[in-house]
Amino acid sequence: MPRLVTTCLPCCLYLMPLLAAAGAEGPPAPPDANAPALDTIVVTGSYIRRTTTESPSPVTVIDADQIAWLTADLAAQPAGTPIVVVTHIPLVTALGNYAPPDPSIPASFTFINGPAVIKLFEGHNVLGVLQGHTHINEQVIWHGVPYITSGAVCGNWWHGTRLGTPEGFTVVSIADGKLSTRYELTGFHSVEPKNT
């Protein structure tokens, strides 16, 4: 039976096909009769507080309790289990390279201890990491794992594009042990665009 483990899904990712495939009643029949069914998938993520007693605000950190939870959850998975990690705030992003330098980006748009979390994925079949928060559409592959950040249905907070990413959402598909995505536009047009 498929296993879904999550306590947080990013608001800007369209994950309904993935969640349906990982439903408690088992995977749905594939649309193509010759396509293999999805046997097991684990979606793991956690509610990440932006402030913690372990670091000063506004630095974003994954605290020790959450790292312990993720470590235990990953260790509990049988070898080879396909895993999708979901986090609102990105673990990996190139956001700081898309616009003029902004000192707030490293502290507020990524985790300062992201590398320690990423190291936990070693030895696991992580198909991808789904992320949000920045409202940009990007994919960064780091150590063979795609880190996919989705744009948002509100784009630049309902004022047009955000660093070139129009209003939209990411559709996630899993087939043949691979995660793939496509970005869908909502067609929303701001009456007061402030495109970046």
N, C-alpha and C. Protein backbone atom coordinates (compact mmCIF):
# COMPACT_ATOMS: atom_id res chain seq x y z
N MET A 1 0.84 -1.18 0.00
CA MET A 1 0.00 0.00 0.00
C MET A 1 0.89 1.24 0.00
N PRO A 2 0.58 2.24 -0.81
CA PRO A 2 1.38 3.46 -0.82
C PRO A 2 1.34 4.16 0.53
N ARG A 3 2.40 4.87 0.83
CA ARG A 3 2.50 5.57 2.10
C ARG A 3 2.70 7.04 1.84
N LEU A 4 1.89 7.87 2.45
CA LEU A 4 2.02 9.31 2.33
C LEU A 4 2.32 9.86 3.72
N VAL A 5 3.47 10.52 3.84
CA VAL A 5 3.86 11.12 5.11
C VAL A 5 4.11 12.59 4.84
N THR A 6 3.27 13.46 5.36
CA THR A 6 3.49 14.88 5.18
C THR A 6 2.76 15.66 6.25
N THR A 7 3.34 16.77 6.63
CA THR A 7 2.65 17.69 7.52
C THR A 7 2.58 19.08 6.91
N CYS A 8 3.15 19.24 5.71
CA CYS A 8 3.11 20.55 5.06
C CYS A 8 3.27 20.38 3.56
N LEU A 9 2.39 20.96 2.79
CA LEU A 9 2.53 20.99 1.34
C LEU A 9 2.62 22.44 0.92
N PRO A 10 3.55 22.78 0.02
CA PRO A 10 3.65 24.18 -0.38
C PRO A 10 2.37 24.65 -1.06
N CYS A 11 1.98 25.86 -0.71
CA CYS A 11 0.71 26.38 -1.23
C CYS A 11 0.75 26.58 -2.73
N CYS A 12 1.92 26.69 -3.32
CA CYS A 12 1.97 27.04 -4.74
C CYS A 12 2.26 25.84 -5.63
N LEU A 13 2.23 24.62 -5.11
CA LEU A 13 2.44 23.44 -5.94
C LEU A 13 1.12 22.71 -6.14
N TYR A 14 0.86 22.33 -7.35
CA TYR A 14 -0.34 21.57 -7.63
C TYR A 14 0.01 20.10 -7.53
N LEU A 15 -0.34 19.47 -6.40
CA LEU A 15 0.10 18.11 -6.12
C LEU A 15 -1.03 17.09 -6.16
N MET A 16 -2.19 17.47 -6.61
CA MET A 16 -3.31 16.53 -6.55
C MET A 16 -3.03 15.20 -7.26
N PRO A 17 -2.43 15.18 -8.48
CA PRO A 17 -2.16 13.87 -9.09
C PRO A 17 -1.21 13.02 -8.24
N LEU A 18 -0.22 13.65 -7.65
CA LEU A 18 0.73 12.93 -6.80
C LEU A 18 0.03 12.39 -5.56
N LEU A 19 -0.80 13.21 -4.93
CA LEU A 19 -1.49 12.78 -3.73
C LEU A 19 -2.49 11.67 -4.04
N ALA A 20 -3.16 11.78 -5.17
CA ALA A 20 -4.09 10.72 -5.56
C ALA A 20 -3.35 9.41 -5.79
N ALA A 21 -2.17 9.50 -6.41
CA ALA A 21 -1.38 8.30 -6.67
C ALA A 21 -0.89 7.67 -5.39
N ALA A 22 -0.74 8.46 -4.34
CA ALA A 22 -0.23 7.95 -3.07
C ALA A 22 -1.35 7.77 -2.04
N GLY A 23 -2.59 7.70 -2.51
CA GLY A 23 -3.74 7.63 -1.61
C GLY A 23 -3.75 6.38 -0.76
N ALA A 24 -4.44 6.47 0.35
CA ALA A 24 -4.47 5.38 1.32
C ALA A 24 -5.10 4.12 0.75
N GLU A 25 -5.96 4.24 -0.24
CA GLU A 25 -6.62 3.08 -0.83
C GLU A 25 -5.78 2.41 -1.90
N GLY A 26 -4.58 2.92 -2.15
CA GLY A 26 -3.73 2.33 -3.18
C GLY A 26 -3.72 3.21 -4.41
N PRO A 27 -2.79 2.96 -5.30
CA PRO A 27 -2.65 3.82 -6.47
C PRO A 27 -3.80 3.63 -7.45
N PRO A 28 -4.17 4.71 -8.16
CA PRO A 28 -5.21 4.56 -9.17
C PRO A 28 -4.68 3.78 -10.36
N ALA A 29 -5.58 3.24 -11.14
CA ALA A 29 -5.16 2.56 -12.36
C ALA A 29 -4.47 3.56 -13.27
N PRO A 30 -3.34 3.18 -13.87
CA PRO A 30 -2.67 4.12 -14.77
C PRO A 30 -3.54 4.40 -15.99
N PRO A 31 -3.41 5.61 -16.58
CA PRO A 31 -4.23 5.94 -17.74
C PRO A 31 -3.92 5.05 -18.93
N ASP A 32 -2.69 4.59 -19.03
CA ASP A 32 -2.27 3.70 -20.11
C ASP A 32 -2.22 2.29 -19.52
N ALA A 33 -2.96 1.36 -20.09
CA ALA A 33 -3.01 0.00 -19.56
C ALA A 33 -1.64 -0.66 -19.53
N ASN A 34 -0.71 -0.23 -20.37
CA ASN A 34 0.62 -0.82 -20.40
C ASN A 34 1.60 -0.12 -19.45
N ALA A 35 1.18 0.99 -18.84
CA ALA A 35 2.06 1.72 -17.92
C ALA A 35 2.10 1.00 -16.58
N PRO A 36 3.27 0.98 -15.94
CA PRO A 36 3.35 0.32 -14.64
C PRO A 36 2.61 1.13 -13.57
N ALA A 37 2.00 0.43 -12.64
CA ALA A 37 1.32 1.10 -11.53
C ALA A 37 2.36 1.58 -10.53
N LEU A 38 2.02 2.60 -9.77
CA LEU A 38 2.87 3.11 -8.71
C LEU A 38 2.66 2.25 -7.49
N ASP A 39 3.71 1.61 -7.01
CA ASP A 39 3.59 0.73 -5.86
C ASP A 39 3.68 1.49 -4.54
N THR A 40 4.75 2.27 -4.39
CA THR A 40 4.99 2.94 -3.12
C THR A 40 5.60 4.30 -3.38
N ILE A 41 5.15 5.27 -2.66
CA ILE A 41 5.80 6.59 -2.70
C ILE A 41 5.67 7.19 -1.31
N VAL A 42 6.70 7.86 -0.89
CA VAL A 42 6.68 8.55 0.38
C VAL A 42 6.86 10.03 0.09
N VAL A 43 5.95 10.83 0.55
CA VAL A 43 6.11 12.28 0.48
C VAL A 43 6.42 12.72 1.89
N THR A 44 7.54 13.35 2.08
CA THR A 44 7.92 13.75 3.42
C THR A 44 8.24 15.23 3.47
N GLY A 45 7.83 15.86 4.49
CA GLY A 45 8.09 17.28 4.68
C GLY A 45 7.65 17.63 6.08
N SER A 46 7.90 18.83 6.51
CA SER A 46 7.49 19.19 7.85
C SER A 46 7.15 20.65 7.92
N TYR A 47 6.42 21.01 8.95
CA TYR A 47 6.11 22.41 9.19
C TYR A 47 7.39 23.04 9.71
N ILE A 48 7.94 23.96 8.98
CA ILE A 48 9.20 24.59 9.34
C ILE A 48 8.91 25.98 9.90
N ARG A 49 9.20 26.14 11.16
CA ARG A 49 9.00 27.46 11.77
C ARG A 49 10.07 28.42 11.28
N ARG A 50 9.70 29.65 11.02
CA ARG A 50 10.66 30.66 10.54
C ARG A 50 11.50 31.20 11.68
N THR A 51 11.05 31.08 12.88
CA THR A 51 11.85 31.52 14.01
C THR A 51 12.02 30.36 14.96
N THR A 52 13.09 30.36 15.68
CA THR A 52 13.39 29.27 16.58
C THR A 52 14.31 29.79 17.67
N THR A 53 14.34 29.11 18.78
CA THR A 53 15.27 29.51 19.83
C THR A 53 16.71 29.17 19.47
N GLU A 54 16.90 28.35 18.42
CA GLU A 54 18.25 27.96 18.00
C GLU A 54 18.93 29.01 17.13
N SER A 55 18.19 29.97 16.62
CA SER A 55 18.79 31.01 15.78
C SER A 55 17.95 32.27 15.89
N PRO A 56 18.56 33.41 15.64
CA PRO A 56 17.79 34.66 15.72
C PRO A 56 16.90 34.85 14.50
N SER A 57 15.76 35.49 14.68
CA SER A 57 14.90 35.86 13.57
C SER A 57 15.58 36.98 12.81
N PRO A 58 15.46 37.11 11.49
CA PRO A 58 14.62 36.35 10.58
C PRO A 58 15.33 35.20 9.90
N VAL A 59 16.41 34.69 10.45
CA VAL A 59 17.10 33.56 9.85
C VAL A 59 16.18 32.35 9.86
N THR A 60 16.14 31.63 8.75
CA THR A 60 15.28 30.47 8.63
C THR A 60 16.13 29.22 8.82
N VAL A 61 15.77 28.42 9.80
CA VAL A 61 16.55 27.25 10.16
C VAL A 61 15.60 26.08 10.41
N ILE A 62 16.06 24.88 10.10
CA ILE A 62 15.33 23.68 10.46
C ILE A 62 15.90 23.25 11.80
N ASP A 63 15.07 23.25 12.84
CA ASP A 63 15.61 23.03 14.18
C ASP A 63 15.90 21.55 14.44
N ALA A 64 16.53 21.29 15.58
CA ALA A 64 16.99 19.94 15.92
C ALA A 64 15.85 18.93 15.99
N ASP A 65 14.69 19.34 16.52
CA ASP A 65 13.56 18.41 16.60
C ASP A 65 13.10 17.99 15.21
N GLN A 66 13.05 18.95 14.28
CA GLN A 66 12.61 18.63 12.93
C GLN A 66 13.64 17.78 12.19
N ILE A 67 14.92 18.03 12.41
CA ILE A 67 15.96 17.20 11.80
C ILE A 67 15.87 15.78 12.35
N ALA A 68 15.63 15.64 13.65
CA ALA A 68 15.48 14.31 14.25
C ALA A 68 14.29 13.58 13.65
N TRP A 69 13.16 14.30 13.48
CA TRP A 69 11.98 13.69 12.87
C TRP A 69 12.27 13.21 11.45
N LEU A 70 12.90 14.07 10.63
CA LEU A 70 13.18 13.70 9.25
C LEU A 70 14.16 12.53 9.18
N THR A 71 15.18 12.55 10.03
CA THR A 71 16.16 11.46 10.08
C THR A 71 15.46 10.13 10.37
N ALA A 72 14.59 10.14 11.37
CA ALA A 72 13.87 8.91 11.75
C ALA A 72 12.92 8.47 10.64
N ASP A 73 12.22 9.42 10.03
CA ASP A 73 11.27 9.08 8.98
C ASP A 73 11.98 8.47 7.78
N LEU A 74 13.09 9.05 7.37
CA LEU A 74 13.86 8.49 6.24
C LEU A 74 14.41 7.11 6.60
N ALA A 75 14.91 6.95 7.81
CA ALA A 75 15.49 5.67 8.22
C ALA A 75 14.45 4.56 8.26
N ALA A 76 13.19 4.91 8.47
CA ALA A 76 12.12 3.92 8.56
C ALA A 76 11.69 3.38 7.19
N GLN A 77 12.16 3.99 6.11
CA GLN A 77 11.72 3.58 4.78
C GLN A 77 12.55 2.39 4.29
N PRO A 78 11.89 1.40 3.70
CA PRO A 78 12.64 0.28 3.12
C PRO A 78 13.58 0.79 2.01
N ALA A 79 14.69 0.12 1.84
CA ALA A 79 15.66 0.50 0.81
C ALA A 79 14.97 0.58 -0.55
N GLY A 80 15.28 1.64 -1.29
CA GLY A 80 14.75 1.81 -2.63
C GLY A 80 13.39 2.47 -2.71
N THR A 81 12.76 2.73 -1.58
CA THR A 81 11.45 3.37 -1.59
C THR A 81 11.53 4.73 -2.28
N PRO A 82 10.70 4.99 -3.29
CA PRO A 82 10.70 6.31 -3.91
C PRO A 82 10.23 7.35 -2.90
N ILE A 83 10.99 8.42 -2.77
CA ILE A 83 10.70 9.47 -1.79
C ILE A 83 10.64 10.81 -2.50
N VAL A 84 9.61 11.59 -2.17
CA VAL A 84 9.50 12.97 -2.62
C VAL A 84 9.48 13.82 -1.36
N VAL A 85 10.40 14.75 -1.27
CA VAL A 85 10.48 15.64 -0.12
C VAL A 85 9.74 16.93 -0.49
N VAL A 86 8.94 17.43 0.43
CA VAL A 86 8.17 18.65 0.19
C VAL A 86 8.47 19.65 1.29
N THR A 87 8.85 20.84 0.88
CA THR A 87 9.12 21.91 1.83
C THR A 87 8.66 23.23 1.22
N HIS A 88 8.13 24.09 2.04
CA HIS A 88 7.70 25.38 1.50
C HIS A 88 8.93 26.25 1.19
N ILE A 89 9.79 26.42 2.17
CA ILE A 89 10.99 27.23 1.98
C ILE A 89 12.03 26.34 1.28
N PRO A 90 12.71 26.85 0.24
CA PRO A 90 13.65 26.02 -0.52
C PRO A 90 14.86 25.56 0.27
N LEU A 91 15.29 24.35 -0.04
CA LEU A 91 16.57 23.85 0.44
C LEU A 91 17.68 24.28 -0.53
N VAL A 92 17.36 24.29 -1.82
CA VAL A 92 18.32 24.69 -2.86
C VAL A 92 17.62 25.64 -3.81
N THR A 93 18.22 26.78 -4.08
CA THR A 93 17.68 27.74 -5.04
C THR A 93 18.81 28.61 -5.56
N ALA A 94 18.62 29.11 -6.76
CA ALA A 94 19.57 30.07 -7.33
C ALA A 94 18.96 31.47 -7.31
N LEU A 95 17.94 31.67 -6.50
CA LEU A 95 17.22 32.94 -6.45
C LEU A 95 18.14 34.15 -6.35
N GLY A 96 19.17 34.06 -5.54
CA GLY A 96 20.08 35.19 -5.35
C GLY A 96 20.82 35.62 -6.60
N ASN A 97 20.78 34.80 -7.65
CA ASN A 97 21.47 35.12 -8.90
C ASN A 97 20.56 35.73 -9.95
N TYR A 98 19.28 35.84 -9.68
CA TYR A 98 18.33 36.30 -10.70
C TYR A 98 18.08 37.80 -10.69
N ALA A 99 18.51 38.48 -9.65
CA ALA A 99 18.24 39.90 -9.52
C ALA A 99 19.45 40.56 -8.85
N PRO A 100 19.48 41.88 -8.83
CA PRO A 100 20.58 42.54 -8.12
C PRO A 100 20.68 42.04 -6.69
N PRO A 101 21.88 42.08 -6.12
CA PRO A 101 22.06 41.55 -4.77
C PRO A 101 21.07 42.15 -3.77
N ASP A 102 20.55 41.26 -2.93
CA ASP A 102 19.61 41.65 -1.90
C ASP A 102 20.03 40.91 -0.63
N PRO A 103 20.55 41.60 0.36
CA PRO A 103 21.06 40.92 1.55
C PRO A 103 20.01 40.08 2.28
N SER A 104 18.73 40.32 2.03
CA SER A 104 17.71 39.54 2.74
C SER A 104 17.51 38.16 2.13
N ILE A 105 17.93 37.96 0.90
CA ILE A 105 17.64 36.68 0.23
C ILE A 105 18.25 35.48 0.96
N PRO A 106 19.54 35.46 1.29
CA PRO A 106 20.05 34.25 1.94
C PRO A 106 19.38 33.94 3.27
N ALA A 107 19.00 34.97 4.03
CA ALA A 107 18.42 34.73 5.35
C ALA A 107 16.95 34.37 5.29
N SER A 108 16.22 34.87 4.34
CA SER A 108 14.77 34.69 4.38
C SER A 108 14.21 33.76 3.32
N PHE A 109 14.99 33.39 2.33
CA PHE A 109 14.45 32.56 1.25
C PHE A 109 15.02 31.16 1.20
N THR A 110 15.98 30.84 2.05
CA THR A 110 16.52 29.49 2.14
C THR A 110 16.82 29.19 3.60
N PHE A 111 17.07 27.93 3.89
CA PHE A 111 17.47 27.52 5.24
C PHE A 111 18.98 27.69 5.39
N ILE A 112 19.40 28.26 6.50
CA ILE A 112 20.84 28.42 6.70
C ILE A 112 21.51 27.08 6.95
N ASN A 113 20.76 26.08 7.40
CA ASN A 113 21.34 24.75 7.61
C ASN A 113 20.84 23.75 6.58
N GLY A 114 20.44 24.25 5.41
CA GLY A 114 20.00 23.37 4.33
C GLY A 114 20.99 22.27 3.97
N PRO A 115 22.30 22.57 3.88
CA PRO A 115 23.26 21.51 3.54
C PRO A 115 23.21 20.31 4.49
N ALA A 116 22.97 20.54 5.78
CA ALA A 116 22.88 19.43 6.73
C ALA A 116 21.65 18.57 6.45
N VAL A 117 20.56 19.20 6.04
CA VAL A 117 19.34 18.46 5.71
C VAL A 117 19.54 17.67 4.42
N ILE A 118 20.13 18.30 3.42
CA ILE A 118 20.37 17.64 2.14
C ILE A 118 21.22 16.39 2.32
N LYS A 119 22.18 16.45 3.23
CA LYS A 119 23.04 15.29 3.49
C LYS A 119 22.23 14.08 3.97
N LEU A 120 21.10 14.33 4.62
CA LEU A 120 20.24 13.23 5.10
C LEU A 120 19.66 12.42 3.95
N PHE A 121 19.59 12.99 2.76
CA PHE A 121 18.99 12.30 1.61
C PHE A 121 19.93 11.24 1.02
N GLU A 122 21.22 11.30 1.36
CA GLU A 122 22.18 10.35 0.80
C GLU A 122 21.77 8.92 1.14
N GLY A 123 21.87 8.03 0.15
CA GLY A 123 21.52 6.64 0.35
C GLY A 123 20.03 6.34 0.23
N HIS A 124 19.23 7.36 -0.05
CA HIS A 124 17.78 7.18 -0.23
C HIS A 124 17.41 7.47 -1.67
N ASN A 125 16.31 6.90 -2.11
CA ASN A 125 15.83 7.08 -3.48
C ASN A 125 14.95 8.33 -3.56
N VAL A 126 15.58 9.50 -3.41
CA VAL A 126 14.84 10.76 -3.45
C VAL A 126 14.61 11.14 -4.91
N LEU A 127 13.35 11.09 -5.33
CA LEU A 127 13.00 11.41 -6.71
C LEU A 127 13.05 12.91 -6.97
N GLY A 128 12.82 13.70 -5.93
CA GLY A 128 12.85 15.14 -6.08
C GLY A 128 12.45 15.84 -4.80
N VAL A 129 12.75 17.13 -4.76
CA VAL A 129 12.37 17.98 -3.64
C VAL A 129 11.48 19.08 -4.22
N LEU A 130 10.24 19.16 -3.75
CA LEU A 130 9.28 20.16 -4.23
C LEU A 130 9.27 21.32 -3.24
N GLN A 131 9.43 22.53 -3.77
CA GLN A 131 9.60 23.71 -2.92
C GLN A 131 8.73 24.85 -3.42
N GLY A 132 8.57 25.85 -2.60
CA GLY A 132 7.80 27.03 -2.97
C GLY A 132 8.46 28.28 -2.44
N HIS A 133 7.68 29.19 -1.92
CA HIS A 133 8.10 30.38 -1.19
C HIS A 133 8.62 31.54 -2.04
N THR A 134 9.39 31.28 -3.07
CA THR A 134 10.03 32.36 -3.83
C THR A 134 9.17 32.89 -4.96
N HIS A 135 8.14 32.15 -5.34
CA HIS A 135 7.24 32.50 -6.45
C HIS A 135 7.96 32.52 -7.79
N ILE A 136 9.04 31.75 -7.92
CA ILE A 136 9.73 31.62 -9.21
C ILE A 136 9.69 30.16 -9.62
N ASN A 137 9.75 29.92 -10.92
CA ASN A 137 9.74 28.57 -11.45
C ASN A 137 11.18 28.21 -11.80
N GLU A 138 11.76 27.26 -11.08
CA GLU A 138 13.14 26.86 -11.36
C GLU A 138 13.34 25.41 -10.99
N GLN A 139 14.37 24.83 -11.59
CA GLN A 139 14.80 23.49 -11.22
C GLN A 139 16.32 23.50 -11.14
N VAL A 140 16.82 23.11 -9.98
CA VAL A 140 18.26 23.00 -9.76
C VAL A 140 18.54 21.54 -9.44
N ILE A 141 19.47 20.94 -10.15
CA ILE A 141 19.83 19.55 -9.86
C ILE A 141 21.13 19.57 -9.06
N TRP A 142 21.06 19.00 -7.86
CA TRP A 142 22.21 18.98 -6.97
C TRP A 142 22.44 17.54 -6.52
N HIS A 143 23.60 17.00 -6.81
CA HIS A 143 23.94 15.62 -6.49
C HIS A 143 22.90 14.64 -7.02
N GLY A 144 22.42 14.92 -8.24
CA GLY A 144 21.48 14.03 -8.91
C GLY A 144 20.03 14.16 -8.48
N VAL A 145 19.74 15.04 -7.54
CA VAL A 145 18.36 15.23 -7.06
C VAL A 145 17.82 16.56 -7.60
N PRO A 146 16.66 16.53 -8.28
CA PRO A 146 16.08 17.79 -8.74
C PRO A 146 15.37 18.52 -7.59
N TYR A 147 15.73 19.78 -7.41
CA TYR A 147 15.08 20.67 -6.45
C TYR A 147 14.20 21.58 -7.29
N ILE A 148 12.89 21.38 -7.20
CA ILE A 148 11.94 22.05 -8.09
C ILE A 148 11.16 23.07 -7.29
N THR A 149 11.36 24.33 -7.64
CA THR A 149 10.64 25.42 -6.99
C THR A 149 9.56 25.88 -7.95
N SER A 150 8.36 26.01 -7.44
CA SER A 150 7.24 26.40 -8.29
C SER A 150 6.96 27.88 -8.18
N GLY A 151 6.48 28.43 -9.29
CA GLY A 151 5.92 29.77 -9.25
C GLY A 151 4.64 29.72 -8.43
N ALA A 152 3.88 30.79 -8.45
CA ALA A 152 2.67 30.84 -7.64
C ALA A 152 1.49 31.32 -8.48
N VAL A 153 0.30 30.89 -8.10
CA VAL A 153 -0.89 31.32 -8.82
C VAL A 153 -1.04 32.84 -8.74
N CYS A 154 -0.45 33.47 -7.73
CA CYS A 154 -0.55 34.92 -7.60
C CYS A 154 0.66 35.64 -8.21
N GLY A 155 1.61 34.88 -8.80
CA GLY A 155 2.77 35.50 -9.44
C GLY A 155 3.51 36.41 -8.48
N ASN A 156 3.59 37.68 -8.83
CA ASN A 156 4.24 38.69 -8.00
C ASN A 156 3.19 39.30 -7.07
N TRP A 157 2.56 38.45 -6.25
CA TRP A 157 1.54 38.86 -5.30
C TRP A 157 0.42 39.65 -5.99
N TRP A 158 -0.11 39.04 -7.07
CA TRP A 158 -1.22 39.55 -7.88
C TRP A 158 -0.85 40.79 -8.69
N HIS A 159 0.45 41.02 -8.89
CA HIS A 159 0.89 42.18 -9.67
C HIS A 159 1.80 41.75 -10.81
N GLY A 160 1.43 40.72 -11.55
CA GLY A 160 2.20 40.30 -12.72
C GLY A 160 3.22 39.23 -12.42
N THR A 161 4.31 39.23 -13.20
CA THR A 161 5.31 38.19 -13.10
C THR A 161 6.28 38.46 -11.95
N ARG A 162 6.85 37.36 -11.45
CA ARG A 162 7.85 37.44 -10.38
C ARG A 162 9.17 36.96 -10.97
N LEU A 163 10.10 37.87 -11.18
CA LEU A 163 11.40 37.55 -11.78
C LEU A 163 11.23 36.71 -13.04
N GLY A 164 10.27 37.10 -13.86
CA GLY A 164 10.03 36.44 -15.13
C GLY A 164 9.09 35.25 -15.08
N THR A 165 8.66 34.85 -13.90
CA THR A 165 7.74 33.72 -13.77
C THR A 165 6.31 34.24 -13.71
N PRO A 166 5.49 33.90 -14.71
CA PRO A 166 4.09 34.35 -14.69
C PRO A 166 3.26 33.55 -13.69
N GLU A 167 2.07 34.03 -13.45
CA GLU A 167 1.15 33.37 -12.54
C GLU A 167 0.88 31.95 -13.04
N GLY A 168 1.02 30.98 -12.16
CA GLY A 168 0.80 29.60 -12.56
C GLY A 168 1.03 28.63 -11.42
N PHE A 169 1.13 27.36 -11.78
CA PHE A 169 1.34 26.29 -10.81
C PHE A 169 2.09 25.16 -11.49
N THR A 170 2.67 24.30 -10.68
CA THR A 170 3.44 23.17 -11.18
C THR A 170 2.63 21.90 -11.05
N VAL A 171 2.57 21.14 -12.13
CA VAL A 171 1.93 19.82 -12.14
C VAL A 171 3.05 18.79 -12.03
N VAL A 172 2.93 17.89 -11.09
CA VAL A 172 3.95 16.88 -10.82
C VAL A 172 3.44 15.52 -11.28
N SER A 173 4.28 14.79 -12.00
CA SER A 173 3.94 13.42 -12.43
C SER A 173 5.09 12.50 -12.05
N ILE A 174 4.75 11.27 -11.75
CA ILE A 174 5.76 10.26 -11.48
C ILE A 174 5.46 9.06 -12.35
N ALA A 175 6.45 8.64 -13.13
CA ALA A 175 6.31 7.46 -13.99
C ALA A 175 7.68 6.82 -14.15
N ASP A 176 7.71 5.52 -14.16
CA ASP A 176 8.94 4.76 -14.36
C ASP A 176 10.05 5.20 -13.40
N GLY A 177 9.69 5.49 -12.17
CA GLY A 177 10.67 5.84 -11.16
C GLY A 177 11.27 7.23 -11.32
N LYS A 178 10.66 8.07 -12.14
CA LYS A 178 11.16 9.42 -12.39
C LYS A 178 10.07 10.43 -12.09
N LEU A 179 10.47 11.56 -11.53
CA LEU A 179 9.57 12.66 -11.27
C LEU A 179 9.73 13.68 -12.38
N SER A 180 8.64 14.15 -12.93
CA SER A 180 8.70 15.19 -13.95
C SER A 180 7.66 16.26 -13.61
N THR A 181 7.89 17.45 -14.12
CA THR A 181 6.98 18.55 -13.85
C THR A 181 6.71 19.35 -15.11
N ARG A 182 5.63 20.08 -15.07
CA ARG A 182 5.36 21.08 -16.11
C ARG A 182 4.69 22.26 -15.43
N TYR A 183 4.94 23.44 -15.95
CA TYR A 183 4.39 24.66 -15.36
C TYR A 183 3.19 25.09 -16.17
N GLU A 184 2.07 25.25 -15.51
CA GLU A 184 0.82 25.65 -16.16
C GLU A 184 0.50 27.09 -15.80
N LEU A 185 0.16 27.88 -16.78
CA LEU A 185 -0.22 29.28 -16.54
C LEU A 185 -1.69 29.35 -16.15
N THR A 186 -2.02 30.29 -15.28
CA THR A 186 -3.42 30.46 -14.86
C THR A 186 -4.19 31.35 -15.81
N GLY A 187 -3.48 32.20 -16.56
CA GLY A 187 -4.14 33.14 -17.45
C GLY A 187 -4.56 34.41 -16.75
N PHE A 188 -4.19 34.54 -15.49
CA PHE A 188 -4.53 35.75 -14.73
C PHE A 188 -3.74 36.94 -15.28
N HIS A 189 -4.40 38.08 -15.40
CA HIS A 189 -3.75 39.31 -15.85
C HIS A 189 -4.02 40.39 -14.82
N SER A 190 -2.97 40.89 -14.23
CA SER A 190 -3.09 41.92 -13.21
C SER A 190 -3.58 43.23 -13.82
N VAL A 191 -4.44 43.94 -13.10
CA VAL A 191 -4.87 45.25 -13.55
C VAL A 191 -3.85 46.32 -13.14
N GLU A 192 -2.90 45.92 -12.28
CA GLU A 192 -1.86 46.84 -11.84
C GLU A 192 -0.51 46.09 -11.82
N PRO A 193 0.00 45.72 -13.02
CA PRO A 193 1.22 44.92 -13.05
C PRO A 193 2.44 45.67 -12.52
N LYS A 194 3.23 44.94 -11.76
CA LYS A 194 4.53 45.40 -11.27
C LYS A 194 5.51 44.27 -11.54
N ASN A 195 5.65 43.91 -12.82
CA ASN A 195 6.48 42.78 -13.19
C ASN A 195 7.92 42.98 -12.77
N THR A 196 8.52 41.90 -12.28
CA THR A 196 9.93 41.95 -11.94
C THR A 196 10.69 40.98 -12.80
